[in-house]
C-alpha atoms as a PDB file:
ATOM      1  CA  MET A   1      20.340  -0.812   8.931  1.00  0.00           C
ATOM      2  CA  ARG A   2      20.776   2.700   7.608  1.00  0.00           C
ATOM      3  CA  ARG A   3      23.756   1.628   5.511  1.00  0.00           C
ATOM      4  CA  ASN A   4      21.662  -1.151   3.967  1.00  0.00           C
ATOM      5  CA  ALA A   5      18.739   1.171   3.353  1.00  0.00           C
ATOM      6  CA  PHE A   6      20.844   3.595   1.372  1.00  0.00           C
ATOM      7  CA  ALA A   7      22.729   0.921  -0.556  1.00  0.00           C
ATOM      8  CA  GLY A   8      20.495   1.482  -3.561  1.00  0.00           C
ATOM      9  CA  LEU A   9      21.281   5.160  -3.847  1.00  0.00           C
ATOM     10  CA  GLY A  10      24.022   4.544  -6.419  1.00  0.00           C
ATOM     11  CA  LEU A  11      21.522   2.836  -8.694  1.00  0.00           C
ATOM     12  CA  ALA A  12      19.023   5.619  -8.079  1.00  0.00           C
ATOM     13  CA  LEU A  13      21.612   8.191  -9.110  1.00  0.00           C
ATOM     14  CA  ALA A  14      22.360   6.225 -12.265  1.00  0.00           C
ATOM     15  CA  LEU A  15      18.680   6.093 -13.199  1.00  0.00           C
ATOM     16  CA  SER A  16      17.923   9.731 -12.435  1.00  0.00           C
ATOM     17  CA  GLY A  17      17.093  12.004 -15.311  1.00  0.00           C
ATOM     18  CA  CYS A  18      16.488   9.278 -17.892  1.00  0.00           C
ATOM     19  CA  GLY A  19      13.923   6.680 -18.812  1.00  0.00           C
ATOM     20  CA  ILE A  20      14.124   3.409 -16.907  1.00  0.00           C
ATOM     21  CA  SER A  21      14.371   0.303 -19.079  1.00  0.00           C
ATOM     22  CA  GLN A  22      12.856  -3.044 -18.123  1.00  0.00           C
ATOM     23  CA  GLN A  23      16.329  -4.398 -17.358  1.00  0.00           C
ATOM     24  CA  GLN A  24      17.005  -1.463 -15.036  1.00  0.00           C
ATOM     25  CA  GLU A  25      13.573  -1.887 -13.442  1.00  0.00           C
ATOM     26  CA  VAL A  26      14.281  -5.535 -12.658  1.00  0.00           C
ATOM     27  CA  GLN A  27      17.778  -4.735 -11.369  1.00  0.00           C
ATOM     28  CA  MET A  28      16.384  -2.028  -9.145  1.00  0.00           C
ATOM     29  CA  GLY A  29      13.644  -4.315  -7.868  1.00  0.00           C
ATOM     30  CA  GLN A  30      16.164  -7.027  -7.041  1.00  0.00           C
ATOM     31  CA  GLN A  31      18.296  -4.602  -5.051  1.00  0.00           C
ATOM     32  CA  TYR A  32      15.396  -3.203  -3.077  1.00  0.00           C
ATOM     33  CA  ALA A  33      13.892  -6.643  -2.505  1.00  0.00           C
ATOM     34  CA  GLN A  34      17.205  -7.758  -1.045  1.00  0.00           C
ATOM     35  CA  GLN A  35      17.134  -4.798   1.343  1.00  0.00           C
ATOM     36  CA  ILE A  36      13.494  -5.333   2.251  1.00  0.00           C
ATOM     37  CA  ASN A  37      13.962  -9.038   2.936  1.00  0.00           C
ATOM     38  CA  ALA A  38      16.920  -8.247   5.189  1.00  0.00           C
ATOM     39  CA  GLN A  39      15.012  -5.666   7.214  1.00  0.00           C
ATOM     40  CA  LEU A  40      11.417  -6.842   7.347  1.00  0.00           C
ATOM     41  CA  PRO A  41      10.219 -10.061   9.044  1.00  0.00           C
ATOM     42  CA  ILE A  42       9.462 -12.297   6.064  1.00  0.00           C
ATOM     43  CA  VAL A  43       7.553 -15.516   6.711  1.00  0.00           C
ATOM     44  CA  GLN A  44       9.914 -18.431   6.023  1.00  0.00           C
ATOM     45  CA  ASP A  45       7.361 -21.265   6.054  1.00  0.00           C
ATOM     46  CA  ALA A  46       7.849 -23.221   2.804  1.00  0.00           C
ATOM     47  CA  GLU A  47       4.224 -24.324   2.471  1.00  0.00           C
ATOM     48  CA  LEU A  48       2.873 -20.803   2.989  1.00  0.00           C
ATOM     49  CA  ASN A  49       5.356 -19.337   0.546  1.00  0.00           C
ATOM     50  CA  ARG A  50       4.510 -21.988  -2.017  1.00  0.00           C
ATOM     51  CA  TYR A  51       0.831 -21.116  -1.849  1.00  0.00           C
ATOM     52  CA  ILE A  52       1.278 -17.335  -2.088  1.00  0.00           C
ATOM     53  CA  ASN A  53       3.640 -17.743  -5.062  1.00  0.00           C
ATOM     54  CA  VAL A  54       1.429 -20.217  -6.911  1.00  0.00           C
ATOM     55  CA  LEU A  55      -1.581 -17.948  -6.457  1.00  0.00           C
ATOM     56  CA  GLY A  56       0.430 -14.865  -7.386  1.00  0.00           C
ATOM     57  CA  ASP A  57       1.960 -16.472 -10.453  1.00  0.00           C
ATOM     58  CA  SER A  58      -1.442 -17.654 -11.661  1.00  0.00           C
ATOM     59  CA  ILE A  59      -2.510 -14.006 -11.761  1.00  0.00           C
ATOM     60  CA  ALA A  60       0.712 -12.247 -12.754  1.00  0.00           C
ATOM     61  CA  LYS A  61       1.824 -14.514 -15.591  1.00  0.00           C
ATOM     62  CA  LEU A  62      -1.370 -13.654 -17.489  1.00  0.00           C
ATOM     63  CA  ALA A  63      -1.303  -9.965 -16.552  1.00  0.00           C
ATOM     64  CA  ASP A  64       2.010  -8.927 -18.048  1.00  0.00           C
ATOM     65  CA  THR A  65       3.565  -9.720 -21.429  1.00  0.00           C
ATOM     66  CA  ARG A  66       7.091  -8.751 -20.391  1.00  0.00           C
ATOM     67  CA  ASP A  67       7.901 -12.206 -18.987  1.00  0.00           C
ATOM     68  CA  LEU A  68       8.930 -10.866 -15.591  1.00  0.00           C
ATOM     69  CA  ASP A  69      10.151 -13.281 -12.940  1.00  0.00           C
ATOM     70  CA  TRP A  70       7.560 -12.611 -10.223  1.00  0.00           C
ATOM     71  CA  HIS A  71       8.195 -13.064  -6.512  1.00  0.00           C
ATOM     72  CA  PHE A  72       5.611 -12.960  -3.721  1.00  0.00           C
ATOM     73  CA  PHE A  73       6.359 -12.588  -0.028  1.00  0.00           C
ATOM     74  CA  ILE A  74       4.370 -12.613   3.217  1.00  0.00           C
ATOM     75  CA  VAL A  75       5.505  -9.982   5.704  1.00  0.00           C
ATOM     76  CA  ASP A  76       5.059 -11.242   9.265  1.00  0.00           C
ATOM     77  CA  SER A  77       3.354  -8.084  10.471  1.00  0.00           C
ATOM     78  CA  PRO A  78      -0.118  -7.621  11.994  1.00  0.00           C
ATOM     79  CA  GLU A  79      -0.494  -4.318  10.155  1.00  0.00           C
ATOM     80  CA  VAL A  80      -2.879  -4.263   7.208  1.00  0.00           C
ATOM     81  CA  ASN A  81      -0.845  -3.463   4.132  1.00  0.00           C
ATOM     82  CA  ALA A  82       0.567  -4.675   0.830  1.00  0.00           C
ATOM     83  CA  PHE A  83       3.004  -3.104  -1.602  1.00  0.00           C
ATOM     84  CA  ALA A  84       4.707  -3.700  -4.914  1.00  0.00           C
ATOM     85  CA  VAL A  85       8.341  -3.188  -5.861  1.00  0.00           C
ATOM     86  CA  PRO A  86       9.322  -2.584  -9.512  1.00  0.00           C
ATOM     87  CA  GLY A  87      10.321  -5.627 -11.499  1.00  0.00           C
ATOM     88  CA  GLY A  88       7.734  -8.016 -10.080  1.00  0.00           C
ATOM     89  CA  PHE A  89       8.205  -8.173  -6.299  1.00  0.00           C
ATOM     90  CA  ILE A  90       4.952  -8.210  -4.308  1.00  0.00           C
ATOM     91  CA  TYR A  91       4.677  -8.095  -0.507  1.00  0.00           C
ATOM     92  CA  VAL A  92       1.482  -8.856   1.436  1.00  0.00           C
ATOM     93  CA  ASN A  93       1.314  -8.363   5.193  1.00  0.00           C
ATOM     94  CA  ARG A  94       0.050 -11.168   7.380  1.00  0.00           C
ATOM     95  CA  GLY A  95      -2.427  -8.707   8.898  1.00  0.00           C
ATOM     96  CA  LEU A  96      -4.091  -8.203   5.521  1.00  0.00           C
ATOM     97  CA  ILE A  97      -4.227 -11.907   4.680  1.00  0.00           C
ATOM     98  CA  GLU A  98      -5.781 -12.753   8.041  1.00  0.00           C
ATOM     99  CA  ARG A  99      -8.590 -10.282   7.363  1.00  0.00           C
ATOM    100  CA  THR A 100      -9.628 -12.054   4.182  1.00  0.00           C
ATOM    101  CA  ASP A 101     -12.405 -14.647   4.350  1.00  0.00           C
ATOM    102  CA  ARG A 102     -12.288 -15.950   0.770  1.00  0.00           C
ATOM    103  CA  MET A 103      -9.611 -16.687  -1.777  1.00  0.00           C
ATOM    104  CA  ASP A 104     -10.900 -14.039  -4.184  1.00  0.00           C
ATOM    105  CA  GLU A 105     -10.394 -11.314  -1.545  1.00  0.00           C
ATOM    106  CA  LEU A 106      -6.704 -12.171  -1.223  1.00  0.00           C
ATOM    107  CA  ALA A 107      -6.428 -12.547  -5.011  1.00  0.00           C
ATOM    108  CA  GLY A 108      -8.043  -9.134  -5.485  1.00  0.00           C
ATOM    109  CA  ALA A 109      -5.479  -7.440  -3.244  1.00  0.00           C
ATOM    110  CA  MET A 110      -2.644  -9.222  -5.050  1.00  0.00           C
ATOM    111  CA  GLY A 111      -4.130  -8.435  -8.461  1.00  0.00           C
ATOM    112  CA  HIS A 112      -4.218  -4.769  -7.481  1.00  0.00           C
ATOM    113  CA  GLU A 113      -0.527  -4.751  -6.490  1.00  0.00           C
ATOM    114  CA  ILE A 114       0.362  -6.635  -9.679  1.00  0.00           C
ATOM    115  CA  GLY A 115      -1.512  -3.882 -11.515  1.00  0.00           C
ATOM    116  CA  HIS A 116       0.870  -1.276 -10.087  1.00  0.00           C
ATOM    117  CA  VAL A 117       3.832  -3.205 -11.522  1.00  0.00           C
ATOM    118  CA  VAL A 118       2.140  -3.752 -14.892  1.00  0.00           C
ATOM    119  CA  ARG A 119       1.369  -0.034 -15.139  1.00  0.00           C
ATOM    120  CA  ARG A 120       4.902   0.789 -13.909  1.00  0.00           C
ATOM    121  CA  HIS A 121       3.517   3.333 -11.453  1.00  0.00           C
ATOM    122  CA  SER A 122       6.588   3.311  -9.201  1.00  0.00           C
ATOM    123  CA  VAL A 123       8.915   3.519 -12.184  1.00  0.00           C
ATOM    124  CA  LYS A 124       7.061   6.524 -13.561  1.00  0.00           C
ATOM    125  CA  GLN A 125       7.299   8.253 -10.187  1.00  0.00           C
ATOM    126  CA  MET A 126      11.022   7.539 -10.090  1.00  0.00           C
ATOM    127  CA  GLU A 127      11.499   9.001 -13.537  1.00  0.00           C
ATOM    128  CA  LYS A 128       9.912  12.211 -12.293  1.00  0.00           C
ATOM    129  CA  GLN A 129      11.808  12.432  -8.999  1.00  0.00           C
ATOM    130  CA  ASN A 130      15.350  13.627  -8.507  1.00  0.00           C
ATOM    131  CA  ALA A 131      17.897  11.075  -7.364  1.00  0.00           C
ATOM    132  CA  ALA A 132      18.637  12.814  -4.072  1.00  0.00           C
ATOM    133  CA  SER A 133      15.161  12.148  -2.733  1.00  0.00           C
ATOM    134  CA  LEU A 134      14.807   8.773  -4.434  1.00  0.00           C
ATOM    135  CA  GLY A 135      17.373   6.880  -2.395  1.00  0.00           C
ATOM    136  CA  VAL A 136      16.026   8.267   0.884  1.00  0.00           C
ATOM    137  CA  ASN A 137      12.369   7.764   0.156  1.00  0.00           C
ATOM    138  CA  VAL A 138      12.438   4.253  -1.254  1.00  0.00           C
ATOM    139  CA  ALA A 139      14.220   3.067   1.874  1.00  0.00           C
ATOM    140  CA  CYS A 140      11.898   5.047   4.108  1.00  0.00           C
ATOM    141  CA  ALA A 141       8.705   3.862   2.496  1.00  0.00           C
ATOM    142  CA  LEU A 142       9.556   0.181   2.447  1.00  0.00           C
ATOM    143  CA  THR A 143      11.542  -0.362   5.637  1.00  0.00           C
ATOM    144  CA  SER A 144      11.666   0.782   9.222  1.00  0.00           C
ATOM    145  CA  VAL A 145      14.710   2.978   8.646  1.00  0.00           C
ATOM    146  CA  CYS A 146      12.561   6.095   9.083  1.00  0.00           C
ATOM    147  CA  ASN A 147      11.966   5.275  12.713  1.00  0.00           C
ATOM    148  CA  SER A 148      15.028   7.388  13.468  1.00  0.00           C
ATOM    149  CA  GLN A 149      14.580  11.144  13.736  1.00  0.00           C
ATOM    150  CA  ALA A 150      17.533  11.775  11.425  1.00  0.00           C
ATOM    151  CA  ALA A 151      16.122   9.563   8.681  1.00  0.00           C
ATOM    152  CA  ALA A 152      12.663  11.078   9.101  1.00  0.00           C
ATOM    153  CA  ALA A 153      14.144  14.545   8.733  1.00  0.00           C
ATOM    154  CA  ALA A 154      15.997  13.464   5.599  1.00  0.00           C
ATOM    155  CA  ASN A 155      12.769  12.151   4.185  1.00  0.00           C
ATOM    156  CA  ASN A 156      10.991  15.436   4.878  1.00  0.00           C
ATOM    157  CA  ILE A 157      13.706  17.298   3.010  1.00  0.00           C
ATOM    158  CA  GLY A 158      13.735  14.811   0.160  1.00  0.00           C
ATOM    159  CA  GLY A 159      10.040  15.009  -0.639  1.00  0.00           C
ATOM    160  CA  ALA A 160       7.185  12.521  -1.078  1.00  0.00           C
ATOM    161  CA  ALA A 161       8.068   8.853  -0.771  1.00  0.00           C
ATOM    162  CA  VAL A 162       8.194   6.907  -4.002  1.00  0.00           C
ATOM    163  CA  PHE A 163       6.303   3.874  -2.740  1.00  0.00           C
ATOM    164  CA  ALA A 164       4.457   5.330   0.225  1.00  0.00           C
ATOM    165  CA  LYS A 165       1.417   6.626  -1.600  1.00  0.00           C
ATOM    166  CA  PHE A 166       0.245   6.421  -5.180  1.00  0.00           C
ATOM    167  CA  SER A 167      -2.074   9.025  -6.647  1.00  0.00           C
ATOM    168  CA  ARG A 168      -5.794   8.338  -6.730  1.00  0.00           C
ATOM    169  CA  GLU A 169      -5.479   7.958 -10.498  1.00  0.00           C
ATOM    170  CA  ASP A 170      -2.791   5.297 -10.047  1.00  0.00           C
ATOM    171  CA  GLU A 171      -4.901   3.492  -7.457  1.00  0.00           C
ATOM    172  CA  ALA A 172      -7.922   3.552  -9.769  1.00  0.00           C
ATOM    173  CA  GLN A 173      -5.814   2.177 -12.631  1.00  0.00           C
ATOM    174  CA  ALA A 174      -4.441  -0.578 -10.391  1.00  0.00           C
ATOM    175  CA  ASP A 175      -8.015  -1.454  -9.378  1.00  0.00           C
ATOM    176  CA  GLN A 176      -9.055  -1.797 -13.008  1.00  0.00           C
ATOM    177  CA  GLU A 177      -5.946  -3.820 -13.809  1.00  0.00           C
ATOM    178  CA  GLY A 178      -6.590  -5.986 -10.763  1.00  0.00           C
ATOM    179  CA  ILE A 179     -10.104  -6.811 -11.924  1.00  0.00           C
ATOM    180  CA  LYS A 180      -8.842  -7.863 -15.343  1.00  0.00           C
ATOM    181  CA  ASN A 181      -5.913  -9.731 -13.819  1.00  0.00           C
ATOM    182  CA  VAL A 182      -7.978 -12.014 -11.602  1.00  0.00           C
ATOM    183  CA  ILE A 183     -10.611 -12.660 -14.275  1.00  0.00           C
ATOM    184  CA  ARG A 184      -7.889 -13.819 -16.679  1.00  0.00           C
ATOM    185  CA  ALA A 185      -6.772 -16.229 -13.960  1.00  0.00           C
ATOM    186  CA  GLY A 186     -10.290 -17.640 -13.589  1.00  0.00           C
ATOM    187  CA  ILE A 187     -10.844 -15.950 -10.222  1.00  0.00           C
ATOM    188  CA  SER A 188     -13.877 -13.886  -9.287  1.00  0.00           C
ATOM    189  CA  PRO A 189     -13.224 -10.123  -9.127  1.00  0.00           C
ATOM    190  CA  GLU A 190     -15.914  -9.739  -6.462  1.00  0.00           C
ATOM    191  CA  GLY A 191     -13.244 -10.213  -3.802  1.00  0.00           C
ATOM    192  CA  MET A 192     -11.776  -6.774  -4.467  1.00  0.00           C
ATOM    193  CA  PRO A 193     -14.792  -4.598  -3.528  1.00  0.00           C
ATOM    194  CA  SER A 194     -15.611  -7.120  -0.789  1.00  0.00           C
ATOM    195  CA  LEU A 195     -12.207  -6.655   0.855  1.00  0.00           C
ATOM    196  CA  PHE A 196     -12.307  -2.890   0.366  1.00  0.00           C
ATOM    197  CA  GLN A 197     -15.680  -2.697   2.101  1.00  0.00           C
ATOM    198  CA  LYS A 198     -14.412  -4.864   4.934  1.00  0.00           C
ATOM    199  CA  LEU A 199     -11.454  -2.535   5.505  1.00  0.00           C
ATOM    200  CA  LEU A 200     -13.661   0.565   5.340  1.00  0.00           C
ATOM    201  CA  ASP A 201     -15.966  -0.954   7.930  1.00  0.00           C
ATOM    202  CA  GLU A 202     -13.017  -1.744  10.187  1.00  0.00           C
ATOM    203  CA  ARG A 203     -11.698   1.800   9.849  1.00  0.00           C
ATOM    204  CA  LYS A 204     -14.982   3.058  11.315  1.00  0.00           C
ATOM    205  CA  ARG A 205     -14.648   0.716  14.310  1.00  0.00           C
ATOM    206  CA  LYS A 206     -10.868   0.753  14.847  1.00  0.00           C
ATOM    207  CA  PRO A 207      -9.149   3.444  12.743  1.00  0.00           C
ATOM    208  CA  ASP A 208      -5.643   2.655  14.009  1.00  0.00           C
ATOM    209  CA  ALA A 209      -5.884  -1.008  13.017  1.00  0.00           C
ATOM    210  CA  VAL A 210      -5.961  -0.226   9.297  1.00  0.00           C
ATOM    211  CA  SER A 211      -4.240   3.163   9.223  1.00  0.00           C
ATOM    212  CA  ASN A 212      -1.240   1.934   7.200  1.00  0.00           C
ATOM    213  CA  TRP A 213      -3.458   0.577   4.444  1.00  0.00           C
ATOM    214  CA  PHE A 214      -5.356   3.832   4.047  1.00  0.00           C
ATOM    215  CA  ALA A 215      -2.150   5.884   4.233  1.00  0.00           C
ATOM    216  CA  SER A 216      -0.766   4.045   1.206  1.00  0.00           C
ATOM    217  CA  HIS A 217      -4.073   3.180  -0.517  1.00  0.00           C
ATOM    218  CA  PRO A 218      -6.371   6.232  -0.524  1.00  0.00           C
ATOM    219  CA  MET A 219      -9.892   4.873  -0.666  1.00  0.00           C
ATOM    220  CA  GLU A 220     -13.476   5.831   0.008  1.00  0.00           C
ATOM    221  CA  GLU A 221     -16.899   4.447  -0.868  1.00  0.00           C
ATOM    222  CA  ASP A 222     -16.702   5.806  -4.424  1.00  0.00           C
ATOM    223  CA  ARG A 223     -13.708   3.578  -5.127  1.00  0.00           C
ATOM    224  CA  ILE A 224     -15.700   0.532  -4.118  1.00  0.00           C
ATOM    225  CA  GLN A 225     -18.543   1.682  -6.336  1.00  0.00           C
ATOM    226  CA  ALA A 226     -16.111   2.141  -9.246  1.00  0.00           C
ATOM    227  CA  THR A 227     -14.744  -1.385  -8.925  1.00  0.00           C
ATOM    228  CA  GLN A 228     -18.238  -2.841  -8.670  1.00  0.00           C
ATOM    229  CA  ALA A 229     -19.346  -0.842 -11.708  1.00  0.00           C
ATOM    230  CA  ALA A 230     -16.421  -2.264 -13.691  1.00  0.00           C
ATOM    231  CA  ILE A 231     -17.305  -5.793 -12.589  1.00  0.00           C
ATOM    232  CA  ASP A 232     -20.961  -5.294 -13.530  1.00  0.00           C
ATOM    233  CA  LYS A 233     -19.934  -4.735 -17.150  1.00  0.00           C
ATOM    234  CA  TYR A 234     -18.960  -8.390 -17.479  1.00  0.00           C
ATOM    235  CA  ASP A 235     -21.401 -11.064 -18.570  1.00  0.00           C
ATOM    236  CA  PRO A 236     -23.057 -12.452 -15.390  1.00  0.00           C
ATOM    237  CA  ALA A 237     -22.658 -15.972 -16.775  1.00  0.00           C
ATOM    238  CA  ILE A 238     -18.895 -15.457 -17.007  1.00  0.00           C
ATOM    239  CA  LEU A 239     -18.737 -14.060 -13.485  1.00  0.00           C
ATOM    240  CA  ARG A 240     -20.667 -17.032 -12.110  1.00  0.00           C
ATOM    241  CA  SER A 241     -18.152 -19.412 -13.672  1.00  0.00           C
ATOM    242  CA  LEU A 242     -15.196 -17.848 -11.823  1.00  0.00           C
ATOM    243  CA  THR A 243     -13.730 -19.233  -8.594  1.00  0.00           C
ATOM    244  CA  LYS A 244     -14.461 -17.378  -5.358  1.00  0.00           C
ATOM    245  CA  ASP A 245     -13.034 -19.746  -2.799  1.00  0.00           C
ATOM    246  CA  THR A 246     -11.085 -22.988  -2.381  1.00  0.00           C
ATOM    247  CA  PRO A 247     -10.311 -25.403   0.477  1.00  0.00           C
ATOM    248  CA  LEU A 248      -6.599 -24.875  -0.229  1.00  0.00           C
ATOM    249  CA  TYR A 249      -6.960 -21.163   0.573  1.00  0.00           C
ATOM    250  CA  HIS A 250      -8.536 -21.970   3.948  1.00  0.00           C
ATOM    251  CA  ARG A 251      -5.763 -24.419   4.810  1.00  0.00           C
ATOM    252  CA  PHE A 252      -3.279 -21.685   3.903  1.00  0.00           C
ATOM    253  CA  VAL A 253      -4.919 -19.127   6.204  1.00  0.00           C
ATOM    254  CA  GLU A 254      -5.279 -21.645   9.041  1.00  0.00           C
ATOM    255  CA  ARG A 255      -1.578 -22.480   8.783  1.00  0.00           C
ATOM    256  CA  LEU A 256      -0.670 -18.770   8.749  1.00  0.00           C
ATOM    257  CA  LYS A 257      -2.765 -18.116  11.844  1.00  0.00           C
ATOM    258  CA  SER A 258      -1.109 -21.062  13.599  1.00  0.00           C
ATOM    259  CA  LEU A 259       2.304 -19.380  13.441  1.00  0.00           C
ATOM    260  CA  PRO A 260       3.664 -17.635  16.549  1.00  0.00           C
ATOM    261  CA  PRO A 261       2.468 -14.033  16.958  1.00  0.00           C
ATOM    262  CA  SER A 262       4.034 -11.510  14.597  1.00  0.00           C
ATOM    263  CA  PRO A 263       7.202  -9.842  15.958  1.00  0.00           C
ATOM    264  CA  VAL A 264       5.422  -6.529  16.470  1.00  0.00           C
ATOM    265  CA  GLN A 265       2.729  -8.222  18.527  1.00  0.00           C
ATOM    266  CA  ALA A 266       5.252 -10.237  20.486  1.00  0.00           C
ATOM    267  CA  SER A 267       7.214  -7.121  21.431  1.00  0.00           C
ATOM    268  CA  GLY A 268       4.125  -5.283  22.540  1.00  0.00           C
ATOM    269  CA  ASN A 269       4.569  -2.461  20.026  1.00  0.00           C
END
């Protein structure tokens, strides 16, 4: 596992100290996605994957003019989280999906992660970081390689993880991009503040259940207010015309919940 996690270090070294082109971004994303898919439990159900990719594409294809080849994956984990890899690779945990009650809540979370890719937030962090920490931290942030004490120590020496936590400014930008992204796709943006509020409420009741989300997505009430304020600037007639929910979404969630328990749950961890 550790060998796989550090396989991308050569590419990281090549990209260090210079601007990262779109071609390099896509190449890097492909390499890390290959590592992630080998190390994380990815849902293999064809119908579920079809739905998440159709929904994701409907948002992403209108959000970015670079003609990226987008890929969307469901991580079979009960933890509440989602993350984006450069080049158009988006991962959404089963635990997050199962906490949504409407299609626009799931779309809002995906639109936010798409916003990180559109704004190239990870790429900009990579351009600022030195290559020595880059290879360690990308692997650590996206996989379970840091469960070992040696890898954790290497990460501490290397510095802040590239993907583990964006700045509040980056998160705010991704929120704004997410709102625009879903509206372009004909989906209501109301799902974003709705999901955020739901997760904040759960944190008050069961902090550990959503700790991963808040570790990688710093958020308080003011962030919800900011997203709602941005939504309120749109014509109410336009907002009313946008889709909040669909029967297809509910069939998708029901099918996801019918799968065997996630590996982490099954192992008792």
